[in-house]
Amino acid sequence: MANGQNPIVIDNVTLVPIRTVSLIPNLKVDWDNKSKTVMMTDSDTKNKLKLTVGSNSAYVNDKKVSVGVNPTVKEGAVYVPFRFIGEALNAKVLWHPDSKTVVIYKPSQTLLQRYASNKLEESRKAAI
């Protein structure tokens, strides 16, 4: 987790500092202080995501969607709903209640393409 900034829970939704999100591989994160907007671009898929502090709406590839829990500022850090971010960027997000850990992962685009094209043997070799 980023320098002492821990996740927070609002209405049973885990929000993490945007700094934590910026550590996800292949994800470019920009911050517009004037509009209080976070913009993210996945360099693999080219998916784009835009959230604004205090707004329940976000944009996923220019399509307006509901966030559920608004991004917020706490002690100078911007917090965003982690599951929403992951799923909007086609990643898998899991909650492990025993360890109170949120895990996010993105399958390899190459692996997904091979799987989609029914080249299962190549997919298995790529996964090893």
N, C-alpha and C. Protein backbone atom coordinates (compact mmCIF):
# COMPACT_ATOMS: atom_id res chain seq x y z
N MET A 1 0.85 -1.17 0.00
CA MET A 1 0.00 0.00 0.00
C MET A 1 0.90 1.23 0.00
N ALA A 2 0.42 2.29 -0.57
CA ALA A 2 1.19 3.53 -0.69
C ALA A 2 1.42 4.16 0.67
N ASN A 3 2.65 4.54 0.95
CA ASN A 3 3.11 5.29 2.12
C ASN A 3 2.10 5.61 3.21
N GLY A 4 1.67 4.62 3.98
CA GLY A 4 0.82 4.87 5.13
C GLY A 4 -0.62 5.20 4.80
N GLN A 5 -0.98 5.19 3.55
CA GLN A 5 -2.37 5.44 3.17
C GLN A 5 -3.07 4.10 3.05
N ASN A 6 -3.96 3.83 3.98
CA ASN A 6 -4.66 2.56 4.01
C ASN A 6 -5.99 2.66 3.29
N PRO A 7 -6.51 1.53 2.82
CA PRO A 7 -7.84 1.55 2.23
C PRO A 7 -8.87 2.01 3.25
N ILE A 8 -9.97 2.53 2.76
CA ILE A 8 -11.10 2.88 3.62
C ILE A 8 -12.33 2.16 3.08
N VAL A 9 -13.31 1.94 3.95
CA VAL A 9 -14.54 1.27 3.54
C VAL A 9 -15.70 2.23 3.76
N ILE A 10 -16.47 2.45 2.71
CA ILE A 10 -17.67 3.29 2.77
C ILE A 10 -18.81 2.47 2.18
N ASP A 11 -19.88 2.29 2.95
CA ASP A 11 -21.04 1.51 2.48
C ASP A 11 -20.63 0.14 1.93
N ASN A 12 -19.74 -0.55 2.65
CA ASN A 12 -19.25 -1.87 2.27
C ASN A 12 -18.47 -1.90 0.96
N VAL A 13 -17.96 -0.75 0.54
CA VAL A 13 -17.13 -0.66 -0.66
C VAL A 13 -15.73 -0.23 -0.25
N THR A 14 -14.72 -0.95 -0.72
CA THR A 14 -13.33 -0.62 -0.39
C THR A 14 -12.81 0.42 -1.38
N LEU A 15 -12.33 1.53 -0.82
CA LEU A 15 -11.70 2.58 -1.63
C LEU A 15 -10.22 2.59 -1.29
N VAL A 16 -9.40 2.78 -2.32
CA VAL A 16 -7.96 2.80 -2.12
C VAL A 16 -7.42 4.14 -2.63
N PRO A 17 -6.26 4.54 -2.12
CA PRO A 17 -5.64 5.78 -2.62
C PRO A 17 -5.31 5.63 -4.10
N ILE A 18 -5.47 6.70 -4.84
CA ILE A 18 -5.18 6.65 -6.28
C ILE A 18 -3.72 6.28 -6.51
N ARG A 19 -2.87 6.58 -5.56
CA ARG A 19 -1.45 6.20 -5.66
C ARG A 19 -1.33 4.68 -5.77
N THR A 20 -2.15 3.95 -5.05
CA THR A 20 -2.14 2.48 -5.10
C THR A 20 -2.55 2.01 -6.49
N VAL A 21 -3.58 2.63 -7.06
CA VAL A 21 -4.04 2.26 -8.39
C VAL A 21 -2.95 2.52 -9.42
N SER A 22 -2.18 3.58 -9.22
CA SER A 22 -1.13 3.92 -10.19
C SER A 22 -0.02 2.86 -10.24
N LEU A 23 0.01 1.96 -9.27
CA LEU A 23 1.03 0.91 -9.24
C LEU A 23 0.64 -0.31 -10.08
N ILE A 24 -0.61 -0.34 -10.59
CA ILE A 24 -1.04 -1.45 -11.42
C ILE A 24 -0.26 -1.40 -12.74
N PRO A 25 0.38 -2.51 -13.12
CA PRO A 25 1.17 -2.51 -14.36
C PRO A 25 0.33 -2.11 -15.57
N ASN A 26 0.95 -1.38 -16.47
CA ASN A 26 0.36 -0.95 -17.74
C ASN A 26 -0.82 0.01 -17.57
N LEU A 27 -0.93 0.63 -16.41
CA LEU A 27 -2.01 1.59 -16.19
C LEU A 27 -1.41 2.97 -15.97
N LYS A 28 -1.75 3.90 -16.84
CA LYS A 28 -1.29 5.27 -16.71
C LYS A 28 -2.39 6.05 -15.98
N VAL A 29 -1.99 6.73 -14.92
CA VAL A 29 -2.94 7.49 -14.10
C VAL A 29 -2.55 8.96 -14.13
N ASP A 30 -3.52 9.81 -14.45
CA ASP A 30 -3.31 11.26 -14.45
C ASP A 30 -4.34 11.89 -13.52
N TRP A 31 -3.95 13.03 -12.95
CA TRP A 31 -4.81 13.75 -12.01
C TRP A 31 -4.93 15.20 -12.48
N ASP A 32 -6.17 15.68 -12.61
CA ASP A 32 -6.44 17.08 -12.94
C ASP A 32 -6.93 17.74 -11.66
N ASN A 33 -6.05 18.51 -11.01
CA ASN A 33 -6.38 19.12 -9.73
C ASN A 33 -7.51 20.14 -9.84
N LYS A 34 -7.58 20.83 -10.96
CA LYS A 34 -8.61 21.86 -11.13
C LYS A 34 -10.02 21.25 -11.14
N SER A 35 -10.21 20.17 -11.88
CA SER A 35 -11.53 19.53 -11.96
C SER A 35 -11.69 18.38 -10.97
N LYS A 36 -10.61 18.07 -10.23
CA LYS A 36 -10.60 16.94 -9.27
C LYS A 36 -10.96 15.63 -9.96
N THR A 37 -10.36 15.42 -11.13
CA THR A 37 -10.67 14.26 -11.96
C THR A 37 -9.45 13.36 -12.11
N VAL A 38 -9.69 12.06 -11.98
CA VAL A 38 -8.67 11.03 -12.19
C VAL A 38 -8.95 10.41 -13.56
N MET A 39 -7.91 10.32 -14.39
CA MET A 39 -8.03 9.69 -15.69
C MET A 39 -7.05 8.53 -15.76
N MET A 40 -7.53 7.38 -16.20
CA MET A 40 -6.69 6.19 -16.29
C MET A 40 -6.78 5.61 -17.69
N THR A 41 -5.64 5.14 -18.18
CA THR A 41 -5.60 4.49 -19.49
C THR A 41 -4.80 3.20 -19.36
N ASP A 42 -5.39 2.11 -19.80
CA ASP A 42 -4.72 0.82 -19.82
C ASP A 42 -3.95 0.72 -21.13
N SER A 43 -2.63 0.65 -21.06
CA SER A 43 -1.81 0.64 -22.28
C SER A 43 -1.98 -0.64 -23.08
N ASP A 44 -2.43 -1.73 -22.45
CA ASP A 44 -2.66 -2.99 -23.18
C ASP A 44 -3.95 -2.93 -23.99
N THR A 45 -5.04 -2.61 -23.32
CA THR A 45 -6.36 -2.67 -23.95
C THR A 45 -6.82 -1.34 -24.53
N LYS A 46 -6.13 -0.26 -24.13
CA LYS A 46 -6.51 1.12 -24.51
C LYS A 46 -7.82 1.56 -23.85
N ASN A 47 -8.32 0.79 -22.88
CA ASN A 47 -9.51 1.19 -22.14
C ASN A 47 -9.19 2.45 -21.35
N LYS A 48 -10.18 3.34 -21.28
CA LYS A 48 -10.02 4.59 -20.54
C LYS A 48 -11.10 4.70 -19.48
N LEU A 49 -10.72 5.31 -18.37
CA LEU A 49 -11.63 5.48 -17.25
C LEU A 49 -11.42 6.87 -16.68
N LYS A 50 -12.52 7.55 -16.38
CA LYS A 50 -12.44 8.88 -15.82
C LYS A 50 -13.42 8.99 -14.66
N LEU A 51 -12.91 9.39 -13.48
CA LEU A 51 -13.73 9.58 -12.28
C LEU A 51 -13.45 10.95 -11.70
N THR A 52 -14.48 11.54 -11.11
CA THR A 52 -14.34 12.85 -10.49
C THR A 52 -14.72 12.76 -9.02
N VAL A 53 -13.90 13.36 -8.17
CA VAL A 53 -14.17 13.37 -6.73
C VAL A 53 -15.55 13.94 -6.47
N GLY A 54 -16.34 13.22 -5.65
CA GLY A 54 -17.66 13.68 -5.27
C GLY A 54 -18.76 13.34 -6.25
N SER A 55 -18.40 12.77 -7.40
CA SER A 55 -19.40 12.46 -8.43
C SER A 55 -19.70 10.97 -8.45
N ASN A 56 -20.98 10.63 -8.58
CA ASN A 56 -21.40 9.24 -8.66
C ASN A 56 -21.32 8.70 -10.09
N SER A 57 -20.98 9.57 -11.04
CA SER A 57 -20.85 9.15 -12.43
C SER A 57 -19.38 9.05 -12.82
N ALA A 58 -19.11 8.10 -13.69
CA ALA A 58 -17.77 7.94 -14.25
C ALA A 58 -17.92 7.68 -15.73
N TYR A 59 -16.81 7.73 -16.44
CA TYR A 59 -16.82 7.43 -17.87
C TYR A 59 -15.87 6.28 -18.13
N VAL A 60 -16.41 5.24 -18.75
CA VAL A 60 -15.61 4.10 -19.18
C VAL A 60 -15.64 4.11 -20.70
N ASN A 61 -14.50 4.41 -21.31
CA ASN A 61 -14.43 4.54 -22.76
C ASN A 61 -15.53 5.47 -23.29
N ASP A 62 -15.68 6.61 -22.66
CA ASP A 62 -16.64 7.65 -23.05
C ASP A 62 -18.10 7.30 -22.79
N LYS A 63 -18.36 6.17 -22.15
CA LYS A 63 -19.73 5.79 -21.79
C LYS A 63 -19.94 6.14 -20.31
N LYS A 64 -21.01 6.89 -20.03
CA LYS A 64 -21.30 7.31 -18.66
C LYS A 64 -21.91 6.14 -17.89
N VAL A 65 -21.33 5.88 -16.71
CA VAL A 65 -21.80 4.79 -15.84
C VAL A 65 -21.86 5.28 -14.40
N SER A 66 -22.59 4.54 -13.56
CA SER A 66 -22.67 4.88 -12.14
C SER A 66 -21.52 4.22 -11.39
N VAL A 67 -20.91 4.97 -10.48
CA VAL A 67 -19.78 4.45 -9.71
C VAL A 67 -20.24 3.63 -8.52
N GLY A 68 -21.32 4.01 -7.90
CA GLY A 68 -21.80 3.33 -6.70
C GLY A 68 -21.41 4.11 -5.47
N VAL A 69 -20.13 4.24 -5.22
CA VAL A 69 -19.60 5.06 -4.12
C VAL A 69 -18.67 6.09 -4.73
N ASN A 70 -18.93 7.35 -4.43
CA ASN A 70 -18.15 8.45 -5.01
C ASN A 70 -16.68 8.40 -4.61
N PRO A 71 -15.79 8.72 -5.54
CA PRO A 71 -14.40 8.96 -5.16
C PRO A 71 -14.38 10.10 -4.14
N THR A 72 -13.44 10.06 -3.21
CA THR A 72 -13.42 11.04 -2.14
C THR A 72 -11.99 11.44 -1.79
N VAL A 73 -11.85 12.52 -1.04
CA VAL A 73 -10.55 12.96 -0.55
C VAL A 73 -10.54 12.79 0.96
N LYS A 74 -9.47 12.17 1.47
CA LYS A 74 -9.31 12.00 2.91
C LYS A 74 -7.85 12.29 3.25
N GLU A 75 -7.65 13.22 4.16
CA GLU A 75 -6.30 13.60 4.59
C GLU A 75 -5.38 13.89 3.39
N GLY A 76 -5.93 14.58 2.39
CA GLY A 76 -5.14 15.00 1.24
C GLY A 76 -4.93 13.96 0.16
N ALA A 77 -5.45 12.75 0.36
CA ALA A 77 -5.30 11.69 -0.64
C ALA A 77 -6.64 11.43 -1.32
N VAL A 78 -6.60 11.16 -2.62
CA VAL A 78 -7.80 10.82 -3.37
C VAL A 78 -8.02 9.31 -3.28
N TYR A 79 -9.23 8.91 -2.89
CA TYR A 79 -9.59 7.50 -2.76
C TYR A 79 -10.64 7.15 -3.81
N VAL A 80 -10.47 5.99 -4.44
CA VAL A 80 -11.38 5.54 -5.48
C VAL A 80 -11.83 4.11 -5.18
N PRO A 81 -13.05 3.74 -5.65
CA PRO A 81 -13.55 2.38 -5.41
C PRO A 81 -12.76 1.36 -6.24
N PHE A 82 -12.06 0.49 -5.54
CA PHE A 82 -11.11 -0.43 -6.17
C PHE A 82 -11.78 -1.42 -7.11
N ARG A 83 -12.85 -2.05 -6.67
CA ARG A 83 -13.53 -3.04 -7.52
C ARG A 83 -14.04 -2.38 -8.80
N PHE A 84 -14.62 -1.20 -8.67
CA PHE A 84 -15.12 -0.50 -9.85
C PHE A 84 -14.00 -0.26 -10.85
N ILE A 85 -12.86 0.21 -10.37
CA ILE A 85 -11.72 0.48 -11.24
C ILE A 85 -11.28 -0.80 -11.94
N GLY A 86 -11.09 -1.85 -11.17
CA GLY A 86 -10.63 -3.11 -11.75
C GLY A 86 -11.57 -3.66 -12.80
N GLU A 87 -12.84 -3.71 -12.46
CA GLU A 87 -13.81 -4.28 -13.39
C GLU A 87 -13.99 -3.39 -14.62
N ALA A 88 -13.92 -2.08 -14.45
CA ALA A 88 -14.05 -1.17 -15.60
C ALA A 88 -12.88 -1.35 -16.56
N LEU A 89 -11.75 -1.81 -16.05
CA LEU A 89 -10.57 -2.02 -16.88
C LEU A 89 -10.38 -3.50 -17.23
N ASN A 90 -11.45 -4.28 -17.09
CA ASN A 90 -11.46 -5.71 -17.44
C ASN A 90 -10.48 -6.54 -16.63
N ALA A 91 -10.30 -6.18 -15.38
CA ALA A 91 -9.46 -6.97 -14.49
C ALA A 91 -10.36 -7.75 -13.54
N LYS A 92 -9.82 -8.72 -12.90
CA LYS A 92 -10.55 -9.52 -11.92
C LYS A 92 -10.19 -8.99 -10.54
N VAL A 93 -11.20 -8.76 -9.72
CA VAL A 93 -10.99 -8.23 -8.37
C VAL A 93 -11.57 -9.22 -7.38
N LEU A 94 -10.76 -9.62 -6.41
CA LEU A 94 -11.19 -10.59 -5.41
C LEU A 94 -10.98 -10.03 -4.01
N TRP A 95 -11.87 -10.38 -3.10
CA TRP A 95 -11.76 -10.01 -1.69
C TRP A 95 -11.51 -11.28 -0.91
N HIS A 96 -10.44 -11.28 -0.10
CA HIS A 96 -10.13 -12.41 0.77
C HIS A 96 -10.44 -11.98 2.21
N PRO A 97 -11.61 -12.38 2.72
CA PRO A 97 -12.05 -11.89 4.03
C PRO A 97 -11.14 -12.31 5.19
N ASP A 98 -10.55 -13.49 5.12
CA ASP A 98 -9.69 -13.95 6.22
C ASP A 98 -8.50 -13.02 6.45
N SER A 99 -7.88 -12.59 5.35
CA SER A 99 -6.71 -11.71 5.47
C SER A 99 -7.07 -10.24 5.24
N LYS A 100 -8.37 -9.99 4.94
CA LYS A 100 -8.84 -8.64 4.64
C LYS A 100 -7.98 -8.01 3.55
N THR A 101 -7.83 -8.76 2.46
CA THR A 101 -6.98 -8.36 1.35
C THR A 101 -7.79 -8.27 0.06
N VAL A 102 -7.56 -7.21 -0.69
CA VAL A 102 -8.15 -7.06 -2.02
C VAL A 102 -7.06 -7.39 -3.02
N VAL A 103 -7.38 -8.24 -3.98
CA VAL A 103 -6.42 -8.65 -5.00
C VAL A 103 -7.01 -8.29 -6.36
N ILE A 104 -6.18 -7.71 -7.21
CA ILE A 104 -6.60 -7.39 -8.57
C ILE A 104 -5.59 -8.00 -9.53
N TYR A 105 -6.09 -8.62 -10.59
CA TYR A 105 -5.19 -9.13 -11.60
C TYR A 105 -5.85 -9.05 -12.97
N LYS A 106 -4.98 -8.92 -13.96
CA LYS A 106 -5.44 -8.85 -15.34
C LYS A 106 -4.84 -10.02 -16.10
N PRO A 107 -5.68 -10.80 -16.76
CA PRO A 107 -5.12 -11.87 -17.58
C PRO A 107 -4.30 -11.28 -18.72
N SER A 108 -3.30 -12.00 -19.14
CA SER A 108 -2.47 -11.57 -20.26
C SER A 108 -3.33 -11.43 -21.51
N GLN A 109 -3.18 -10.32 -22.23
CA GLN A 109 -3.94 -10.11 -23.46
C GLN A 109 -3.58 -11.18 -24.50
N THR A 110 -2.33 -11.60 -24.54
CA THR A 110 -1.92 -12.64 -25.47
C THR A 110 -2.65 -13.94 -25.14
N LEU A 111 -2.70 -14.27 -23.87
CA LEU A 111 -3.38 -15.48 -23.43
C LEU A 111 -4.86 -15.42 -23.78
N LEU A 112 -5.50 -14.27 -23.55
CA LEU A 112 -6.92 -14.12 -23.87
C LEU A 112 -7.16 -14.27 -25.37
N GLN A 113 -6.28 -13.71 -26.19
CA GLN A 113 -6.44 -13.81 -27.64
C GLN A 113 -6.30 -15.26 -28.10
N ARG A 114 -5.36 -15.97 -27.55
CA ARG A 114 -5.18 -17.37 -27.91
C ARG A 114 -6.39 -18.19 -27.47
N TYR A 115 -6.88 -17.90 -26.29
CA TYR A 115 -8.05 -18.62 -25.78
C TYR A 115 -9.26 -18.34 -26.69
N ALA A 116 -9.47 -17.08 -27.04
CA ALA A 116 -10.60 -16.69 -27.88
C ALA A 116 -10.51 -17.32 -29.27
N SER A 117 -9.29 -17.56 -29.74
CA SER A 117 -9.12 -18.13 -31.07
C SER A 117 -9.06 -19.66 -31.03
N ASN A 118 -9.33 -20.24 -29.87
CA ASN A 118 -9.33 -21.70 -29.69
C ASN A 118 -7.95 -22.33 -29.84
N LYS A 119 -6.90 -21.54 -29.69
CA LYS A 119 -5.56 -22.10 -29.71
C LYS A 119 -5.18 -22.48 -28.28
N LEU A 120 -5.91 -23.46 -27.77
CA LEU A 120 -5.79 -23.82 -26.36
C LEU A 120 -4.41 -24.38 -26.01
N GLU A 121 -3.81 -25.12 -26.90
CA GLU A 121 -2.49 -25.67 -26.60
C GLU A 121 -1.47 -24.55 -26.42
N GLU A 122 -1.53 -23.51 -27.29
CA GLU A 122 -0.65 -22.37 -27.14
C GLU A 122 -0.94 -21.63 -25.84
N SER A 123 -2.22 -21.56 -25.47
CA SER A 123 -2.60 -20.90 -24.23
C SER A 123 -1.99 -21.59 -23.02
N ARG A 124 -2.05 -22.93 -23.03
CA ARG A 124 -1.47 -23.68 -21.91
C ARG A 124 0.03 -23.46 -21.81
N LYS A 125 0.72 -23.48 -22.95
CA LYS A 125 2.17 -23.27 -22.95
C LYS A 125 2.50 -21.85 -22.47
N ALA A 126 1.70 -20.87 -22.86
CA ALA A 126 1.95 -19.48 -22.45
C ALA A 126 1.74 -19.29 -20.95
N ALA A 127 0.86 -20.09 -20.39
CA ALA A 127 0.55 -19.94 -18.96
C ALA A 127 1.62 -20.56 -18.07
N ILE A 128 2.44 -21.40 -18.64
CA ILE A 128 3.47 -22.09 -17.84
C ILE A 128 4.69 -21.24 -17.68
